[in-house]
N, C-alpha and C. Protein backbone atom coordinates (compact mmCIF):
# COMPACT_ATOMS: atom_id res chain seq x y z
N MET A 1 -49.46 -16.48 16.89
CA MET A 1 -48.38 -17.27 16.34
C MET A 1 -47.25 -16.38 15.85
N ASP A 2 -47.61 -15.31 15.16
CA ASP A 2 -46.60 -14.40 14.66
C ASP A 2 -45.84 -13.72 15.81
N SER A 3 -46.55 -13.41 16.88
CA SER A 3 -45.88 -12.76 18.00
C SER A 3 -44.87 -13.70 18.64
N ASN A 4 -45.13 -15.01 18.64
CA ASN A 4 -44.18 -15.97 19.18
C ASN A 4 -42.92 -16.02 18.33
N ILE A 5 -43.08 -15.96 17.05
CA ILE A 5 -41.94 -15.98 16.15
C ILE A 5 -41.11 -14.71 16.35
N GLN A 6 -41.74 -13.58 16.49
CA GLN A 6 -41.03 -12.33 16.71
C GLN A 6 -40.27 -12.36 18.02
N ASN A 7 -40.88 -12.92 19.05
CA ASN A 7 -40.22 -13.00 20.34
C ASN A 7 -38.99 -13.91 20.27
N LEU A 8 -39.08 -14.96 19.48
CA LEU A 8 -37.93 -15.85 19.34
C LEU A 8 -36.81 -15.19 18.56
N GLU A 9 -37.16 -14.38 17.60
CA GLU A 9 -36.14 -13.74 16.77
C GLU A 9 -35.49 -12.55 17.46
N SER A 10 -36.17 -11.89 18.32
CA SER A 10 -35.67 -10.68 18.96
C SER A 10 -34.33 -10.85 19.64
N PRO A 11 -34.16 -11.88 20.50
CA PRO A 11 -32.87 -12.00 21.16
C PRO A 11 -31.72 -12.30 20.19
N CYS A 12 -32.03 -12.85 19.06
CA CYS A 12 -30.99 -13.22 18.10
C CYS A 12 -30.50 -12.03 17.28
N ILE A 13 -31.30 -11.01 17.22
CA ILE A 13 -30.94 -9.85 16.41
C ILE A 13 -29.97 -8.98 17.21
N GLU A 14 -28.82 -8.74 16.63
CA GLU A 14 -27.83 -7.90 17.29
C GLU A 14 -28.01 -6.46 16.87
N THR A 15 -27.70 -5.58 17.77
CA THR A 15 -27.75 -4.16 17.41
C THR A 15 -26.55 -3.86 16.50
N PRO A 16 -26.75 -3.05 15.50
CA PRO A 16 -25.63 -2.75 14.60
C PRO A 16 -24.51 -2.01 15.34
N ARG A 17 -23.30 -2.44 15.11
CA ARG A 17 -22.15 -1.80 15.74
C ARG A 17 -21.69 -0.63 14.89
N LYS A 18 -21.15 0.34 15.56
CA LYS A 18 -20.68 1.53 14.85
C LYS A 18 -19.45 1.16 14.03
N GLN A 19 -19.50 1.46 12.76
CA GLN A 19 -18.40 1.16 11.85
C GLN A 19 -17.35 2.24 11.93
N LEU A 20 -16.09 1.83 11.93
CA LEU A 20 -15.00 2.78 11.88
C LEU A 20 -14.84 3.29 10.46
N GLU A 21 -14.69 4.56 10.31
CA GLU A 21 -14.48 5.12 8.98
C GLU A 21 -12.99 5.30 8.76
N LEU A 22 -12.41 4.41 7.99
CA LEU A 22 -10.99 4.46 7.70
C LEU A 22 -10.78 5.13 6.35
N PRO A 23 -9.67 5.82 6.19
CA PRO A 23 -9.42 6.44 4.89
C PRO A 23 -9.17 5.36 3.85
N THR A 24 -9.58 5.64 2.63
CA THR A 24 -9.35 4.68 1.56
C THR A 24 -7.88 4.72 1.16
N VAL A 25 -7.33 3.56 0.92
CA VAL A 25 -5.93 3.44 0.55
C VAL A 25 -5.87 2.89 -0.86
N GLN A 26 -5.09 3.52 -1.66
CA GLN A 26 -4.95 3.08 -3.04
C GLN A 26 -3.47 2.87 -3.33
N ILE A 27 -3.13 1.69 -3.78
CA ILE A 27 -1.75 1.43 -4.19
C ILE A 27 -1.59 1.97 -5.61
N ARG A 28 -0.63 2.83 -5.79
CA ARG A 28 -0.40 3.42 -7.10
C ARG A 28 0.52 2.54 -7.95
N PHE A 29 1.59 2.02 -7.31
CA PHE A 29 2.50 1.15 -8.04
C PHE A 29 3.32 0.33 -7.08
N LEU A 30 3.93 -0.71 -7.64
CA LEU A 30 4.81 -1.62 -6.90
C LEU A 30 6.10 -1.74 -7.69
N LEU A 31 7.23 -1.62 -6.99
CA LEU A 31 8.52 -1.77 -7.64
C LEU A 31 9.33 -2.81 -6.88
N LEU A 32 10.03 -3.64 -7.60
CA LEU A 32 10.95 -4.61 -7.03
C LEU A 32 12.27 -4.42 -7.75
N PHE A 33 13.33 -4.08 -6.98
CA PHE A 33 14.62 -3.81 -7.61
C PHE A 33 15.75 -4.28 -6.71
N SER A 34 16.93 -4.45 -7.31
CA SER A 34 18.10 -4.96 -6.59
C SER A 34 18.86 -3.81 -5.93
N ARG A 35 19.84 -4.17 -5.10
CA ARG A 35 20.69 -3.17 -4.45
C ARG A 35 21.52 -2.39 -5.46
N GLN A 36 21.77 -2.99 -6.61
CA GLN A 36 22.54 -2.32 -7.65
C GLN A 36 21.67 -1.37 -8.48
N GLY A 37 20.37 -1.34 -8.21
CA GLY A 37 19.48 -0.44 -8.93
C GLY A 37 18.89 -1.03 -10.18
N LYS A 38 18.92 -2.35 -10.32
CA LYS A 38 18.33 -2.99 -11.49
C LYS A 38 16.88 -3.32 -11.19
N LEU A 39 15.98 -2.80 -12.01
CA LEU A 39 14.56 -3.02 -11.84
C LEU A 39 14.21 -4.46 -12.22
N ARG A 40 13.58 -5.19 -11.31
CA ARG A 40 13.22 -6.58 -11.55
C ARG A 40 11.75 -6.73 -11.92
N LEU A 41 10.90 -5.94 -11.27
CA LEU A 41 9.46 -6.05 -11.49
C LEU A 41 8.82 -4.70 -11.24
N GLN A 42 7.82 -4.37 -12.03
CA GLN A 42 7.06 -3.15 -11.80
C GLN A 42 5.61 -3.41 -12.15
N LYS A 43 4.73 -2.93 -11.32
CA LYS A 43 3.29 -3.04 -11.58
C LYS A 43 2.68 -1.68 -11.29
N TRP A 44 2.03 -1.11 -12.28
CA TRP A 44 1.45 0.22 -12.16
C TRP A 44 -0.06 0.11 -12.15
N TYR A 45 -0.70 0.78 -11.19
CA TYR A 45 -2.15 0.79 -11.08
C TYR A 45 -2.74 2.13 -11.47
N VAL A 46 -1.89 3.02 -11.96
CA VAL A 46 -2.32 4.31 -12.50
C VAL A 46 -1.78 4.42 -13.92
N THR A 47 -2.41 5.22 -14.71
CA THR A 47 -1.99 5.39 -16.10
C THR A 47 -0.97 6.52 -16.20
N LEU A 48 0.22 6.15 -16.62
CA LEU A 48 1.30 7.12 -16.83
C LEU A 48 2.02 6.77 -18.12
N THR A 49 2.71 7.76 -18.68
CA THR A 49 3.51 7.48 -19.87
C THR A 49 4.77 6.73 -19.46
N GLU A 50 5.42 6.09 -20.41
CA GLU A 50 6.66 5.35 -20.13
C GLU A 50 7.76 6.28 -19.62
N LYS A 51 7.79 7.50 -20.15
CA LYS A 51 8.79 8.47 -19.72
C LYS A 51 8.58 8.83 -18.24
N GLU A 52 7.33 9.05 -17.84
CA GLU A 52 7.03 9.37 -16.45
C GLU A 52 7.36 8.20 -15.53
N LYS A 53 7.05 6.99 -15.98
CA LYS A 53 7.36 5.80 -15.18
C LYS A 53 8.86 5.65 -14.94
N ARG A 54 9.65 5.86 -16.01
CA ARG A 54 11.11 5.76 -15.87
C ARG A 54 11.65 6.81 -14.92
N LYS A 55 11.13 8.02 -15.02
CA LYS A 55 11.58 9.11 -14.15
C LYS A 55 11.25 8.81 -12.69
N ILE A 56 10.03 8.38 -12.41
CA ILE A 56 9.62 8.05 -11.05
C ILE A 56 10.44 6.89 -10.51
N THR A 57 10.62 5.85 -11.32
CA THR A 57 11.38 4.68 -10.89
C THR A 57 12.82 5.06 -10.54
N ARG A 58 13.46 5.82 -11.39
CA ARG A 58 14.83 6.25 -11.16
C ARG A 58 14.95 7.09 -9.89
N GLU A 59 14.02 8.01 -9.72
CA GLU A 59 14.04 8.89 -8.55
C GLU A 59 13.82 8.10 -7.26
N LEU A 60 12.86 7.20 -7.25
CA LEU A 60 12.57 6.44 -6.03
C LEU A 60 13.67 5.44 -5.70
N MET A 61 14.26 4.82 -6.71
CA MET A 61 15.37 3.91 -6.44
C MET A 61 16.53 4.68 -5.82
N HIS A 62 16.79 5.87 -6.32
CA HIS A 62 17.86 6.69 -5.76
C HIS A 62 17.57 7.05 -4.30
N ILE A 63 16.34 7.46 -4.02
CA ILE A 63 15.96 7.83 -2.66
C ILE A 63 16.13 6.64 -1.71
N ILE A 64 15.64 5.49 -2.10
CA ILE A 64 15.68 4.31 -1.22
C ILE A 64 17.09 3.79 -1.05
N LEU A 65 17.85 3.70 -2.13
CA LEU A 65 19.19 3.12 -2.05
C LEU A 65 20.17 3.99 -1.27
N THR A 66 19.92 5.28 -1.21
CA THR A 66 20.84 6.17 -0.48
C THR A 66 20.49 6.31 1.00
N ARG A 67 19.37 5.76 1.42
CA ARG A 67 18.98 5.85 2.82
C ARG A 67 19.75 4.85 3.68
N SER A 68 19.98 5.22 4.92
CA SER A 68 20.65 4.34 5.86
C SER A 68 19.72 3.18 6.23
N PRO A 69 20.27 1.98 6.46
CA PRO A 69 19.42 0.85 6.83
C PRO A 69 18.70 1.04 8.16
N LYS A 70 19.19 1.94 9.00
CA LYS A 70 18.57 2.15 10.31
C LYS A 70 17.44 3.18 10.29
N THR A 71 17.22 3.82 9.17
CA THR A 71 16.14 4.81 9.09
C THR A 71 14.81 4.10 8.85
N SER A 72 13.75 4.85 9.03
CA SER A 72 12.40 4.32 8.84
C SER A 72 12.19 3.91 7.38
N SER A 73 11.35 2.92 7.17
CA SER A 73 11.08 2.47 5.81
C SER A 73 9.83 3.14 5.23
N PHE A 74 9.42 4.24 5.82
CA PHE A 74 8.32 5.05 5.32
C PHE A 74 8.89 6.37 4.81
N VAL A 75 8.51 6.75 3.61
CA VAL A 75 9.03 7.98 3.01
C VAL A 75 7.86 8.81 2.50
N ASP A 76 7.85 10.09 2.84
CA ASP A 76 6.89 11.01 2.25
C ASP A 76 7.50 11.50 0.94
N TRP A 77 6.85 11.18 -0.15
CA TRP A 77 7.36 11.55 -1.46
C TRP A 77 6.25 12.28 -2.21
N LYS A 78 6.54 13.51 -2.56
CA LYS A 78 5.52 14.39 -3.16
C LYS A 78 4.31 14.40 -2.23
N ASP A 79 3.13 14.04 -2.70
CA ASP A 79 1.96 14.00 -1.82
C ASP A 79 1.57 12.55 -1.50
N LEU A 80 2.49 11.61 -1.71
CA LEU A 80 2.22 10.19 -1.52
C LEU A 80 3.08 9.61 -0.40
N LYS A 81 2.72 8.44 0.04
CA LYS A 81 3.51 7.71 1.03
C LYS A 81 4.17 6.53 0.33
N LEU A 82 5.45 6.38 0.57
CA LEU A 82 6.20 5.28 -0.01
C LEU A 82 6.63 4.37 1.14
N VAL A 83 6.36 3.08 0.99
CA VAL A 83 6.75 2.08 1.99
C VAL A 83 7.61 1.06 1.28
N TYR A 84 8.77 0.76 1.87
CA TYR A 84 9.65 -0.21 1.24
C TYR A 84 10.20 -1.17 2.27
N LYS A 85 10.67 -2.30 1.78
CA LYS A 85 11.28 -3.31 2.65
C LYS A 85 12.42 -3.95 1.89
N SER A 86 13.54 -4.07 2.58
CA SER A 86 14.69 -4.75 2.00
C SER A 86 14.67 -6.19 2.46
N TYR A 87 14.75 -7.11 1.52
CA TYR A 87 14.76 -8.52 1.85
C TYR A 87 15.84 -9.19 1.01
N VAL A 88 16.82 -9.76 1.66
CA VAL A 88 18.01 -10.34 1.04
C VAL A 88 18.68 -9.23 0.24
N ALA A 89 18.73 -9.31 -1.08
CA ALA A 89 19.39 -8.28 -1.87
C ALA A 89 18.39 -7.51 -2.73
N GLU A 90 17.12 -7.59 -2.38
CA GLU A 90 16.07 -6.94 -3.16
C GLU A 90 15.30 -5.95 -2.30
N TYR A 91 14.74 -4.93 -2.95
CA TYR A 91 13.89 -3.96 -2.30
C TYR A 91 12.49 -4.07 -2.89
N TYR A 92 11.51 -4.09 -2.01
CA TYR A 92 10.10 -4.10 -2.39
C TYR A 92 9.54 -2.74 -1.99
N ALA A 93 9.05 -1.98 -2.94
CA ALA A 93 8.55 -0.64 -2.67
C ALA A 93 7.11 -0.50 -3.16
N PHE A 94 6.26 0.03 -2.28
CA PHE A 94 4.86 0.29 -2.60
C PHE A 94 4.60 1.77 -2.42
N CYS A 95 3.81 2.33 -3.31
CA CYS A 95 3.43 3.73 -3.18
C CYS A 95 1.92 3.83 -3.30
């Protein structure tokens, strides 16, 4: 009886597929700001002082706002990757 159950289960069992090992991605922060450089929203997922946050925000807004609209929206900044998108009059930036 047990052998019949095993035979019935065998075809249903799939062989495990090889998993792709992707690098882990961590969002450090999110910034939403206007074309005039006014910060609308910020969300930080790392612990930084307010002074460091202001410095990073100012620097990244300057980098993004001075770029040509035809350039890539991916920026290598320090040892991080910055991705941004302009939508209407706002910029959404993720690092």
